[in-house]
Amino acid sequence: MTTELLTSLILPSGTLAAILASWGFLALMMGLLHKRKGAESPGGALSVADLSGSAPSSPTIDQADLQVRRGLAFVIATPLVALAAYALGLLANLLDDDGYVLFGLGAVGIILWALAFIIYKGARARRREAQWRDAAMATVAQAVAPLAERGHMVFKDFRAENISIDYLIVGPKGVFALQRLIQPTGGQAGPDSEPVVTYNGRALFYPHGREHLVLDQAHEQAERFSEWLSQGLETPISARAILALPGWRVKRISADGISVINPTQLEALFQYIKPRPISTGEMETIIARIQAHYAAGWRAPNPQSVSQPA
């Protein structure tokens, strides 16, 4: 009985090992053949062309595409290996009359195919999220472009000690620290509309809950940058915080707090916002100081949004 049981496990266990080995081989080969198609542009001063042009595929999307292809390869390879094991069993006369070997072989094939499908489905979901994030960041960049066309200086991904700002905008109306908040809509937006987030000057009220930390962080980052920029200047410079929420329509019910907008509202905001004028000399000094910070050898990491609330 023990010998028969062990014999009946040979083909299913061999099939299990063969399928897992094929997964490892496919993952290794696809990784070796994989080539990144694009990278995030570096931080620093941006031209109109930098902001308006189409961005290359990001490393995040590129990696997500690789994971989807791997998952699909697993889905295809698993039944093929199981069928090959069945054919081998027939040729080698490993199938028993009671059907235990065939049952074990089928169970291994079905379970691993289901696992492969789950891997594939999860990879597709991660790719959709990465594509949404890239599209959201591109929306913000395109919204900033008209400001550069009108003579504002725009800097991307400013990083210093305890300072992390997605876009710095320097112009006649003052200095602005713009942060992106990449908050997926969860499919709540209709084809011709965007989901609504309500802003009362102190917190953001989403359909799924309340969030206020990102507002505090955006304001704090602008304050820290103001302190950094004002060192050594005769007149302190105060940068104002802006929070951009791509994919969301912002319903503001109070005049308090920082500016929170959909990126498409950025140009209108700059038309009507109360200016904190800076002279031509001050503007040149500010731009020179920021440019010197980048020129000192600093390099931007892959940009992240100000926060990822749960």
C-alpha atoms as a PDB file:
ATOM      1  CA  MET A   1       0.000   0.000   0.000  1.00  0.00           C
ATOM      2  CA  THR A   2       2.790   2.409   0.899  1.00  0.00           C
ATOM      3  CA  THR A   3       4.646   1.601  -2.298  1.00  0.00           C
ATOM      4  CA  GLU A   4       1.514   2.192  -4.387  1.00  0.00           C
ATOM      5  CA  LEU A   5       0.877   5.518  -2.635  1.00  0.00           C
ATOM      6  CA  LEU A   6       4.422   6.702  -3.283  1.00  0.00           C
ATOM      7  CA  THR A   7       4.191   5.590  -6.901  1.00  0.00           C
ATOM      8  CA  SER A   8       0.944   7.531  -7.372  1.00  0.00           C
ATOM      9  CA  LEU A   9       2.647  10.714  -6.098  1.00  0.00           C
ATOM     10  CA  ILE A  10       5.558  10.607  -8.539  1.00  0.00           C
ATOM     11  CA  LEU A  11       3.792  12.165 -11.520  1.00  0.00           C
ATOM     12  CA  PRO A  12       1.826  14.874  -9.595  1.00  0.00           C
ATOM     13  CA  SER A  13       4.890  15.917  -7.569  1.00  0.00           C
ATOM     14  CA  GLY A  14       7.033  15.935 -10.697  1.00  0.00           C
ATOM     15  CA  THR A  15       4.422  18.084 -12.441  1.00  0.00           C
ATOM     16  CA  LEU A  16       4.410  20.504  -9.506  1.00  0.00           C
ATOM     17  CA  ALA A  17       8.181  20.831  -9.679  1.00  0.00           C
ATOM     18  CA  ALA A  18       8.108  21.223 -13.468  1.00  0.00           C
ATOM     19  CA  ILE A  19       5.482  23.994 -13.387  1.00  0.00           C
ATOM     20  CA  LEU A  20       7.333  25.938 -10.680  1.00  0.00           C
ATOM     21  CA  ALA A  21      10.595  25.497 -12.586  1.00  0.00           C
ATOM     22  CA  SER A  22       8.950  26.798 -15.765  1.00  0.00           C
ATOM     23  CA  TRP A  23       7.710  29.847 -13.853  1.00  0.00           C
ATOM     24  CA  GLY A  24      11.205  30.542 -12.577  1.00  0.00           C
ATOM     25  CA  PHE A  25      12.722  30.103 -16.035  1.00  0.00           C
ATOM     26  CA  LEU A  26      10.145  32.373 -17.686  1.00  0.00           C
ATOM     27  CA  ALA A  27      10.566  35.053 -15.009  1.00  0.00           C
ATOM     28  CA  LEU A  28      14.360  34.946 -15.390  1.00  0.00           C
ATOM     29  CA  MET A  29      14.347  35.072 -19.192  1.00  0.00           C
ATOM     30  CA  MET A  30      11.760  37.844 -19.399  1.00  0.00           C
ATOM     31  CA  GLY A  31      13.718  39.839 -16.830  1.00  0.00           C
ATOM     32  CA  LEU A  32      16.932  39.461 -18.840  1.00  0.00           C
ATOM     33  CA  LEU A  33      15.212  40.476 -22.085  1.00  0.00           C
ATOM     34  CA  HIS A  34      13.398  43.373 -20.451  1.00  0.00           C
ATOM     35  CA  LYS A  35      14.527  46.852 -21.397  1.00  0.00           C
ATOM     36  CA  ARG A  36      13.306  50.019 -19.748  1.00  0.00           C
ATOM     37  CA  LYS A  37      11.725  52.316 -22.287  1.00  0.00           C
ATOM     38  CA  GLY A  38      11.846  55.582 -20.376  1.00  0.00           C
ATOM     39  CA  ALA A  39      12.664  57.382 -17.156  1.00  0.00           C
ATOM     40  CA  GLU A  40      11.317  60.278 -15.175  1.00  0.00           C
ATOM     41  CA  SER A  41      12.852  63.576 -16.206  1.00  0.00           C
ATOM     42  CA  PRO A  42      15.335  65.024 -13.710  1.00  0.00           C
ATOM     43  CA  GLY A  43      14.500  67.847 -11.377  1.00  0.00           C
ATOM     44  CA  GLY A  44      15.446  71.441 -11.983  1.00  0.00           C
ATOM     45  CA  ALA A  45      14.240  74.378 -14.046  1.00  0.00           C
ATOM     46  CA  LEU A  46      11.744  73.312 -16.713  1.00  0.00           C
ATOM     47  CA  SER A  47      11.172  74.830 -20.121  1.00  0.00           C
ATOM     48  CA  VAL A  48       7.784  75.121 -21.797  1.00  0.00           C
ATOM     49  CA  ALA A  49       8.697  72.132 -23.984  1.00  0.00           C
ATOM     50  CA  ASP A  50       9.539  70.051 -20.897  1.00  0.00           C
ATOM     51  CA  LEU A  51       6.124  70.748 -19.401  1.00  0.00           C
ATOM     52  CA  SER A  52       4.047  70.523 -22.573  1.00  0.00           C
ATOM     53  CA  GLY A  53       5.712  67.575 -24.261  1.00  0.00           C
ATOM     54  CA  SER A  54       4.550  64.016 -23.915  1.00  0.00           C
ATOM     55  CA  ALA A  55       6.453  62.228 -21.162  1.00  0.00           C
ATOM     56  CA  PRO A  56       8.045  58.828 -21.783  1.00  0.00           C
ATOM     57  CA  SER A  57       6.744  55.734 -20.107  1.00  0.00           C
ATOM     58  CA  SER A  58       7.848  55.773 -16.478  1.00  0.00           C
ATOM     59  CA  PRO A  59       9.923  52.994 -14.878  1.00  0.00           C
ATOM     60  CA  THR A  60       6.914  52.166 -12.692  1.00  0.00           C
ATOM     61  CA  ILE A  61       4.678  51.460 -15.687  1.00  0.00           C
ATOM     62  CA  ASP A  62       7.512  49.675 -17.458  1.00  0.00           C
ATOM     63  CA  GLN A  63       7.969  47.359 -14.472  1.00  0.00           C
ATOM     64  CA  ALA A  64       4.210  46.842 -14.199  1.00  0.00           C
ATOM     65  CA  ASP A  65       4.094  45.824 -17.870  1.00  0.00           C
ATOM     66  CA  LEU A  66       6.809  43.257 -17.196  1.00  0.00           C
ATOM     67  CA  GLN A  67       4.820  41.806 -14.294  1.00  0.00           C
ATOM     68  CA  VAL A  68       1.696  41.529 -16.476  1.00  0.00           C
ATOM     69  CA  ARG A  69       3.643  39.710 -19.200  1.00  0.00           C
ATOM     70  CA  ARG A  70       5.103  37.340 -16.609  1.00  0.00           C
ATOM     71  CA  GLY A  71       1.667  36.591 -15.171  1.00  0.00           C
ATOM     72  CA  LEU A  72       0.255  35.920 -18.631  1.00  0.00           C
ATOM     73  CA  ALA A  73       3.195  33.619 -19.402  1.00  0.00           C
ATOM     74  CA  PHE A  74       2.475  31.673 -16.196  1.00  0.00           C
ATOM     75  CA  VAL A  75      -1.204  31.328 -17.163  1.00  0.00           C
ATOM     76  CA  ILE A  76      -0.273  29.941 -20.577  1.00  0.00           C
ATOM     77  CA  ALA A  77       2.641  27.748 -19.467  1.00  0.00           C
ATOM     78  CA  THR A  78       0.877  25.996 -16.574  1.00  0.00           C
ATOM     79  CA  PRO A  79      -1.687  23.957 -18.564  1.00  0.00           C
ATOM     80  CA  LEU A  80       0.915  23.215 -21.249  1.00  0.00           C
ATOM     81  CA  VAL A  81       3.281  21.698 -18.673  1.00  0.00           C
ATOM     82  CA  ALA A  82       0.401  19.762 -17.085  1.00  0.00           C
ATOM     83  CA  LEU A  83      -0.619  18.358 -20.488  1.00  0.00           C
ATOM     84  CA  ALA A  84       2.988  17.416 -21.209  1.00  0.00           C
ATOM     85  CA  ALA A  85       3.131  15.603 -17.849  1.00  0.00           C
ATOM     86  CA  TYR A  86      -0.084  13.746 -18.714  1.00  0.00           C
ATOM     87  CA  ALA A  87       1.359  12.670 -22.076  1.00  0.00           C
ATOM     88  CA  LEU A  88       4.528  11.512 -20.319  1.00  0.00           C
ATOM     89  CA  GLY A  89       2.411   9.525 -17.880  1.00  0.00           C
ATOM     90  CA  LEU A  90       0.656   7.766 -20.725  1.00  0.00           C
ATOM     91  CA  LEU A  91       3.897   6.921 -22.506  1.00  0.00           C
ATOM     92  CA  ALA A  92       5.644   5.745 -19.328  1.00  0.00           C
ATOM     93  CA  ASN A  93       2.565   3.862 -18.091  1.00  0.00           C
ATOM     94  CA  LEU A  94       2.492   5.890 -14.857  1.00  0.00           C
ATOM     95  CA  LEU A  95      -1.290   6.283 -14.743  1.00  0.00           C
ATOM     96  CA  ASP A  96      -2.996   3.810 -12.389  1.00  0.00           C
ATOM     97  CA  ASP A  97      -6.310   2.100 -12.982  1.00  0.00           C
ATOM     98  CA  ASP A  98      -7.956   3.739  -9.958  1.00  0.00           C
ATOM     99  CA  GLY A  99      -7.318   7.244 -11.299  1.00  0.00           C
ATOM    100  CA  TYR A 100      -5.428   8.528  -8.228  1.00  0.00           C
ATOM    101  CA  VAL A 101      -2.466   9.691 -10.320  1.00  0.00           C
ATOM    102  CA  LEU A 102      -4.724  11.451 -12.803  1.00  0.00           C
ATOM    103  CA  PHE A 103      -6.644  13.106  -9.966  1.00  0.00           C
ATOM    104  CA  GLY A 104      -3.392  14.312  -8.357  1.00  0.00           C
ATOM    105  CA  LEU A 105      -2.114  15.592 -11.685  1.00  0.00           C
ATOM    106  CA  GLY A 106      -5.359  17.461 -12.366  1.00  0.00           C
ATOM    107  CA  ALA A 107      -5.418  18.958  -8.865  1.00  0.00           C
ATOM    108  CA  VAL A 108      -1.864  20.257  -9.210  1.00  0.00           C
ATOM    109  CA  GLY A 109      -2.591  21.745 -12.622  1.00  0.00           C
ATOM    110  CA  ILE A 110      -5.840  23.446 -11.580  1.00  0.00           C
ATOM    111  CA  ILE A 111      -4.458  24.865  -8.319  1.00  0.00           C
ATOM    112  CA  LEU A 112      -1.328  26.285  -9.948  1.00  0.00           C
ATOM    113  CA  TRP A 113      -3.276  27.656 -12.911  1.00  0.00           C
ATOM    114  CA  ALA A 114      -5.599  29.451 -10.478  1.00  0.00           C
ATOM    115  CA  LEU A 115      -2.568  30.854  -8.664  1.00  0.00           C
ATOM    116  CA  ALA A 116      -1.070  31.989 -11.981  1.00  0.00           C
ATOM    117  CA  PHE A 117      -4.349  33.708 -12.890  1.00  0.00           C
ATOM    118  CA  ILE A 118      -4.409  35.520  -9.528  1.00  0.00           C
ATOM    119  CA  ILE A 119      -0.824  36.700 -10.143  1.00  0.00           C
ATOM    120  CA  TYR A 120      -1.793  37.918 -13.616  1.00  0.00           C
ATOM    121  CA  LYS A 121      -4.933  39.684 -12.397  1.00  0.00           C
ATOM    122  CA  GLY A 122      -3.039  41.401  -9.578  1.00  0.00           C
ATOM    123  CA  ALA A 123      -0.346  42.574 -12.011  1.00  0.00           C
ATOM    124  CA  ARG A 124      -2.978  44.090 -14.279  1.00  0.00           C
ATOM    125  CA  ALA A 125      -4.525  45.959 -11.347  1.00  0.00           C
ATOM    126  CA  ARG A 126      -1.106  47.344 -10.374  1.00  0.00           C
ATOM    127  CA  ARG A 127      -0.487  48.417 -13.956  1.00  0.00           C
ATOM    128  CA  ARG A 128      -3.817  50.275 -14.091  1.00  0.00           C
ATOM    129  CA  GLU A 129      -2.895  52.078 -10.873  1.00  0.00           C
ATOM    130  CA  ALA A 130       0.562  52.978 -12.235  1.00  0.00           C
ATOM    131  CA  GLN A 131      -0.990  54.285 -15.463  1.00  0.00           C
ATOM    132  CA  TRP A 132      -3.457  56.381 -13.467  1.00  0.00           C
ATOM    133  CA  ARG A 133      -0.641  57.849 -11.384  1.00  0.00           C
ATOM    134  CA  ASP A 134       1.401  58.706 -14.467  1.00  0.00           C
ATOM    135  CA  ALA A 135      -1.612  60.311 -16.145  1.00  0.00           C
ATOM    136  CA  ALA A 136      -2.345  62.304 -12.982  1.00  0.00           C
ATOM    137  CA  MET A 137       1.223  63.610 -12.775  1.00  0.00           C
ATOM    138  CA  ALA A 138       1.168  64.486 -16.493  1.00  0.00           C
ATOM    139  CA  THR A 139      -2.053  66.447 -15.906  1.00  0.00           C
ATOM    140  CA  VAL A 140      -0.315  68.582 -13.273  1.00  0.00           C
ATOM    141  CA  ALA A 141       2.696  69.193 -15.540  1.00  0.00           C
ATOM    142  CA  GLN A 142       0.427  70.265 -18.399  1.00  0.00           C
ATOM    143  CA  ALA A 143      -1.444  72.617 -16.072  1.00  0.00           C
ATOM    144  CA  VAL A 144       1.810  74.294 -15.040  1.00  0.00           C
ATOM    145  CA  ALA A 145       2.925  74.792 -18.677  1.00  0.00           C
ATOM    146  CA  PRO A 146       0.877  77.993 -19.353  1.00  0.00           C
ATOM    147  CA  LEU A 147       2.592  79.683 -16.397  1.00  0.00           C
ATOM    148  CA  ALA A 148       6.002  79.002 -17.927  1.00  0.00           C
ATOM    149  CA  GLU A 149       4.736  80.427 -21.208  1.00  0.00           C
ATOM    150  CA  ARG A 150       3.891  83.693 -19.415  1.00  0.00           C
ATOM    151  CA  GLY A 151       7.351  84.142 -17.942  1.00  0.00           C
ATOM    152  CA  HIS A 152       7.166  82.278 -14.630  1.00  0.00           C
ATOM    153  CA  MET A 153      10.129  80.119 -13.697  1.00  0.00           C
ATOM    154  CA  VAL A 154       9.098  76.574 -12.862  1.00  0.00           C
ATOM    155  CA  PHE A 155      11.315  74.124 -10.945  1.00  0.00           C
ATOM    156  CA  LYS A 156      10.493  70.459 -10.504  1.00  0.00           C
ATOM    157  CA  ASP A 157      11.201  68.166  -7.550  1.00  0.00           C
ATOM    158  CA  PHE A 158      12.948  70.535  -5.176  1.00  0.00           C
ATOM    159  CA  ARG A 159      14.590  68.605  -2.350  1.00  0.00           C
ATOM    160  CA  ALA A 160      16.626  69.929   0.554  1.00  0.00           C
ATOM    161  CA  GLU A 161      16.944  68.994   4.197  1.00  0.00           C
ATOM    162  CA  ASN A 162      13.366  68.400   5.480  1.00  0.00           C
ATOM    163  CA  ILE A 163      12.000  69.990   2.280  1.00  0.00           C
ATOM    164  CA  SER A 164      10.228  68.119  -0.503  1.00  0.00           C
ATOM    165  CA  ILE A 165       8.260  70.115  -3.077  1.00  0.00           C
ATOM    166  CA  ASP A 166       6.930  68.876  -6.409  1.00  0.00           C
ATOM    167  CA  TYR A 167       6.899  72.229  -8.249  1.00  0.00           C
ATOM    168  CA  LEU A 168       8.255  75.649  -7.375  1.00  0.00           C
ATOM    169  CA  ILE A 169       6.747  78.529  -9.325  1.00  0.00           C
ATOM    170  CA  VAL A 170       8.470  81.911  -9.214  1.00  0.00           C
ATOM    171  CA  GLY A 171       6.857  84.912 -10.867  1.00  0.00           C
ATOM    172  CA  PRO A 172       5.773  88.528 -10.441  1.00  0.00           C
ATOM    173  CA  LYS A 173       2.919  87.528  -8.111  1.00  0.00           C
ATOM    174  CA  GLY A 174       5.256  85.761  -5.713  1.00  0.00           C
ATOM    175  CA  VAL A 175       6.636  82.307  -4.970  1.00  0.00           C
ATOM    176  CA  PHE A 176       4.440  79.216  -4.856  1.00  0.00           C
ATOM    177  CA  ALA A 177       5.121  75.677  -3.634  1.00  0.00           C
ATOM    178  CA  LEU A 178       2.827  73.292  -5.497  1.00  0.00           C
ATOM    179  CA  GLN A 179       2.335  69.748  -4.279  1.00  0.00           C
ATOM    180  CA  ARG A 180       0.594  66.892  -6.081  1.00  0.00           C
ATOM    181  CA  LEU A 181      -1.760  64.657  -4.157  1.00  0.00           C
ATOM    182  CA  ILE A 182      -2.211  61.450  -6.125  1.00  0.00           C
ATOM    183  CA  GLN A 183      -5.415  60.059  -4.657  1.00  0.00           C
ATOM    184  CA  PRO A 184      -7.049  57.418  -6.912  1.00  0.00           C
ATOM    185  CA  THR A 185     -10.752  57.878  -7.428  1.00  0.00           C
ATOM    186  CA  GLY A 186     -11.507  54.187  -7.045  1.00  0.00           C
ATOM    187  CA  GLY A 187     -13.516  54.213 -10.268  1.00  0.00           C
ATOM    188  CA  GLN A 188     -16.051  56.662  -8.811  1.00  0.00           C
ATOM    189  CA  ALA A 189     -15.734  59.126 -11.680  1.00  0.00           C
ATOM    190  CA  GLY A 190     -18.230  58.905 -14.488  1.00  0.00           C
ATOM    191  CA  PRO A 191     -17.245  59.213 -18.158  1.00  0.00           C
ATOM    192  CA  ASP A 192     -17.992  62.947 -18.217  1.00  0.00           C
ATOM    193  CA  SER A 193     -17.495  63.914 -14.583  1.00  0.00           C
ATOM    194  CA  GLU A 194     -15.037  63.786 -11.718  1.00  0.00           C
ATOM    195  CA  PRO A 195     -15.753  62.744  -8.139  1.00  0.00           C
ATOM    196  CA  VAL A 196     -16.092  65.593  -5.657  1.00  0.00           C
ATOM    197  CA  VAL A 197     -13.928  66.332  -2.639  1.00  0.00           C
ATOM    198  CA  THR A 198     -15.180  69.051  -0.273  1.00  0.00           C
ATOM    199  CA  TYR A 199     -12.665  71.463   1.288  1.00  0.00           C
ATOM    200  CA  ASN A 200     -13.553  73.631   4.285  1.00  0.00           C
ATOM    201  CA  GLY A 201     -10.123  75.208   4.808  1.00  0.00           C
ATOM    202  CA  ARG A 202      -9.112  72.665   7.443  1.00  0.00           C
ATOM    203  CA  ALA A 203      -9.757  69.231   5.941  1.00  0.00           C
ATOM    204  CA  LEU A 204     -10.625  67.398   2.743  1.00  0.00           C
ATOM    205  CA  PHE A 205     -13.835  65.352   2.769  1.00  0.00           C
ATOM    206  CA  TYR A 206     -13.740  62.493   0.282  1.00  0.00           C
ATOM    207  CA  PRO A 207     -16.616  60.080  -0.353  1.00  0.00           C
ATOM    208  CA  HIS A 208     -14.615  57.495   1.607  1.00  0.00           C
ATOM    209  CA  GLY A 209     -13.473  59.660   4.524  1.00  0.00           C
ATOM    210  CA  ARG A 210     -11.752  62.755   5.890  1.00  0.00           C
ATOM    211  CA  GLU A 211      -8.115  63.812   5.377  1.00  0.00           C
ATOM    212  CA  HIS A 212      -6.248  66.781   6.830  1.00  0.00           C
ATOM    213  CA  LEU A 213      -2.604  65.759   7.208  1.00  0.00           C
ATOM    214  CA  VAL A 214      -1.754  66.490   3.572  1.00  0.00           C
ATOM    215  CA  LEU A 215      -2.897  70.084   4.049  1.00  0.00           C
ATOM    216  CA  ASP A 216      -0.677  70.491   7.094  1.00  0.00           C
ATOM    217  CA  GLN A 217       2.248  68.920   5.248  1.00  0.00           C
ATOM    218  CA  ALA A 218       1.843  71.146   2.181  1.00  0.00           C
ATOM    219  CA  HIS A 219       1.698  74.248   4.364  1.00  0.00           C
ATOM    220  CA  GLU A 220       4.686  73.103   6.420  1.00  0.00           C
ATOM    221  CA  GLN A 221       6.778  72.405   3.324  1.00  0.00           C
ATOM    222  CA  ALA A 222       6.043  75.900   1.985  1.00  0.00           C
ATOM    223  CA  GLU A 223       7.040  77.409   5.347  1.00  0.00           C
ATOM    224  CA  ARG A 224      10.308  75.444   5.428  1.00  0.00           C
ATOM    225  CA  PHE A 225      11.125  76.492   1.891  1.00  0.00           C
ATOM    226  CA  SER A 226      10.393  80.116   2.785  1.00  0.00           C
ATOM    227  CA  GLU A 227      12.903  79.890   5.651  1.00  0.00           C
ATOM    228  CA  TRP A 228      15.494  78.263   3.367  1.00  0.00           C
ATOM    229  CA  LEU A 229      14.991  80.883   0.655  1.00  0.00           C
ATOM    230  CA  SER A 230      14.989  83.889   3.008  1.00  0.00           C
ATOM    231  CA  GLN A 231      18.403  83.119   4.518  1.00  0.00           C
ATOM    232  CA  GLY A 232      20.670  86.042   3.716  1.00  0.00           C
ATOM    233  CA  LEU A 233      17.997  88.115   1.970  1.00  0.00           C
ATOM    234  CA  GLU A 234      17.195  91.621   3.166  1.00  0.00           C
ATOM    235  CA  THR A 235      13.444  91.021   2.755  1.00  0.00           C
ATOM    236  CA  PRO A 236      12.066  87.623   3.820  1.00  0.00           C
ATOM    237  CA  ILE A 237      10.212  85.747   1.084  1.00  0.00           C
ATOM    238  CA  SER A 238       7.041  83.863   1.908  1.00  0.00           C
ATOM    239  CA  ALA A 239       6.115  80.992  -0.421  1.00  0.00           C
ATOM    240  CA  ARG A 240       2.457  80.043  -0.612  1.00  0.00           C
ATOM    241  CA  ALA A 241       1.320  76.428  -0.690  1.00  0.00           C
ATOM    242  CA  ILE A 242      -0.896  75.001  -3.419  1.00  0.00           C
ATOM    243  CA  LEU A 243      -2.262  71.459  -3.367  1.00  0.00           C
ATOM    244  CA  ALA A 244      -3.292  69.958  -6.731  1.00  0.00           C
ATOM    245  CA  LEU A 245      -5.684  66.983  -6.791  1.00  0.00           C
ATOM    246  CA  PRO A 246      -5.759  65.487 -10.299  1.00  0.00           C
ATOM    247  CA  GLY A 247      -8.913  63.528 -11.014  1.00  0.00           C
ATOM    248  CA  TRP A 248     -10.989  65.298  -8.341  1.00  0.00           C
ATOM    249  CA  ARG A 249     -13.345  68.259  -8.506  1.00  0.00           C
ATOM    250  CA  VAL A 250     -12.743  70.451  -5.469  1.00  0.00           C
ATOM    251  CA  LYS A 251     -15.778  72.023  -3.803  1.00  0.00           C
ATOM    252  CA  ARG A 252     -14.503  74.794  -1.545  1.00  0.00           C
ATOM    253  CA  ILE A 253     -16.899  75.969   1.145  1.00  0.00           C
ATOM    254  CA  SER A 254     -14.578  78.321   3.054  1.00  0.00           C
ATOM    255  CA  ALA A 255     -12.046  81.005   2.183  1.00  0.00           C
ATOM    256  CA  ASP A 256      -9.701  79.745   4.913  1.00  0.00           C
ATOM    257  CA  GLY A 257      -6.670  77.542   4.394  1.00  0.00           C
ATOM    258  CA  ILE A 258      -4.263  76.982   1.543  1.00  0.00           C
ATOM    259  CA  SER A 259      -5.251  76.788  -2.117  1.00  0.00           C
ATOM    260  CA  VAL A 260      -6.586  73.349  -3.062  1.00  0.00           C
ATOM    261  CA  ILE A 261      -7.495  72.898  -6.714  1.00  0.00           C
ATOM    262  CA  ASN A 262      -8.021  70.543  -9.586  1.00  0.00           C
ATOM    263  CA  PRO A 263      -4.958  71.066 -11.853  1.00  0.00           C
ATOM    264  CA  THR A 264      -7.173  72.494 -14.587  1.00  0.00           C
ATOM    265  CA  GLN A 265      -7.962  75.394 -12.229  1.00  0.00           C
ATOM    266  CA  LEU A 266      -4.321  76.427 -11.815  1.00  0.00           C
ATOM    267  CA  GLU A 267      -4.290  79.084 -14.523  1.00  0.00           C
ATOM    268  CA  ALA A 268      -7.503  80.657 -13.203  1.00  0.00           C
ATOM    269  CA  LEU A 269      -6.043  80.646  -9.699  1.00  0.00           C
ATOM    270  CA  PHE A 270      -3.025  82.637 -10.860  1.00  0.00           C
ATOM    271  CA  GLN A 271      -5.259  85.141 -12.618  1.00  0.00           C
ATOM    272  CA  TYR A 272      -7.249  85.978  -9.486  1.00  0.00           C
ATOM    273  CA  ILE A 273      -4.958  85.171  -6.552  1.00  0.00           C
ATOM    274  CA  LYS A 274      -3.889  88.142  -4.454  1.00  0.00           C
ATOM    275  CA  PRO A 275      -0.291  88.970  -5.438  1.00  0.00           C
ATOM    276  CA  ARG A 276       2.673  89.239  -3.103  1.00  0.00           C
ATOM    277  CA  PRO A 277       4.786  91.196  -5.569  1.00  0.00           C
ATOM    278  CA  ILE A 278       8.536  90.695  -5.802  1.00  0.00           C
ATOM    279  CA  SER A 279      10.845  93.020  -7.677  1.00  0.00           C
ATOM    280  CA  THR A 280      12.828  92.016 -10.732  1.00  0.00           C
ATOM    281  CA  GLY A 281      16.009  92.002  -8.644  1.00  0.00           C
ATOM    282  CA  GLU A 282      14.434  89.797  -5.965  1.00  0.00           C
ATOM    283  CA  MET A 283      13.116  87.429  -8.594  1.00  0.00           C
ATOM    284  CA  GLU A 284      16.568  87.099 -10.154  1.00  0.00           C
ATOM    285  CA  THR A 285      18.112  86.457  -6.740  1.00  0.00           C
ATOM    286  CA  ILE A 286      15.519  83.798  -5.905  1.00  0.00           C
ATOM    287  CA  ILE A 287      15.980  82.030  -9.237  1.00  0.00           C
ATOM    288  CA  ALA A 288      19.772  82.151  -8.937  1.00  0.00           C
ATOM    289  CA  ARG A 289      19.661  80.645  -5.439  1.00  0.00           C
ATOM    290  CA  ILE A 290      17.383  77.803  -6.524  1.00  0.00           C
ATOM    291  CA  GLN A 291      19.449  77.103  -9.630  1.00  0.00           C
ATOM    292  CA  ALA A 292      22.628  77.042  -7.547  1.00  0.00           C
ATOM    293  CA  HIS A 293      20.993  74.435  -5.290  1.00  0.00           C
ATOM    294  CA  TYR A 294      20.467  72.127  -8.268  1.00  0.00           C
ATOM    295  CA  ALA A 295      23.888  72.892  -9.729  1.00  0.00           C
ATOM    296  CA  ALA A 296      25.585  71.903  -6.467  1.00  0.00           C
ATOM    297  CA  GLY A 297      25.271  68.258  -7.450  1.00  0.00           C
ATOM    298  CA  TRP A 298      21.809  67.483  -6.132  1.00  0.00           C
ATOM    299  CA  ARG A 299      19.769  64.944  -8.108  1.00  0.00           C
ATOM    300  CA  ALA A 300      16.017  64.374  -7.920  1.00  0.00           C
ATOM    301  CA  PRO A 301      14.730  60.979  -6.863  1.00  0.00           C
ATOM    302  CA  ASN A 302      11.643  59.528  -8.492  1.00  0.00           C
ATOM    303  CA  PRO A 303       8.901  62.002  -7.547  1.00  0.00           C
ATOM    304  CA  GLN A 304       6.285  61.019  -5.015  1.00  0.00           C
ATOM    305  CA  SER A 305       3.069  62.722  -4.088  1.00  0.00           C
ATOM    306  CA  VAL A 306       2.901  64.604  -0.812  1.00  0.00           C
ATOM    307  CA  SER A 307       1.040  61.736   0.836  1.00  0.00           C
ATOM    308  CA  GLN A 308      -0.885  58.579   0.193  1.00  0.00           C
ATOM    309  CA  PRO A 309      -3.789  58.607   2.609  1.00  0.00           C
ATOM    310  CA  ALA A 310      -5.508  55.319   3.321  1.00  0.00           C
END
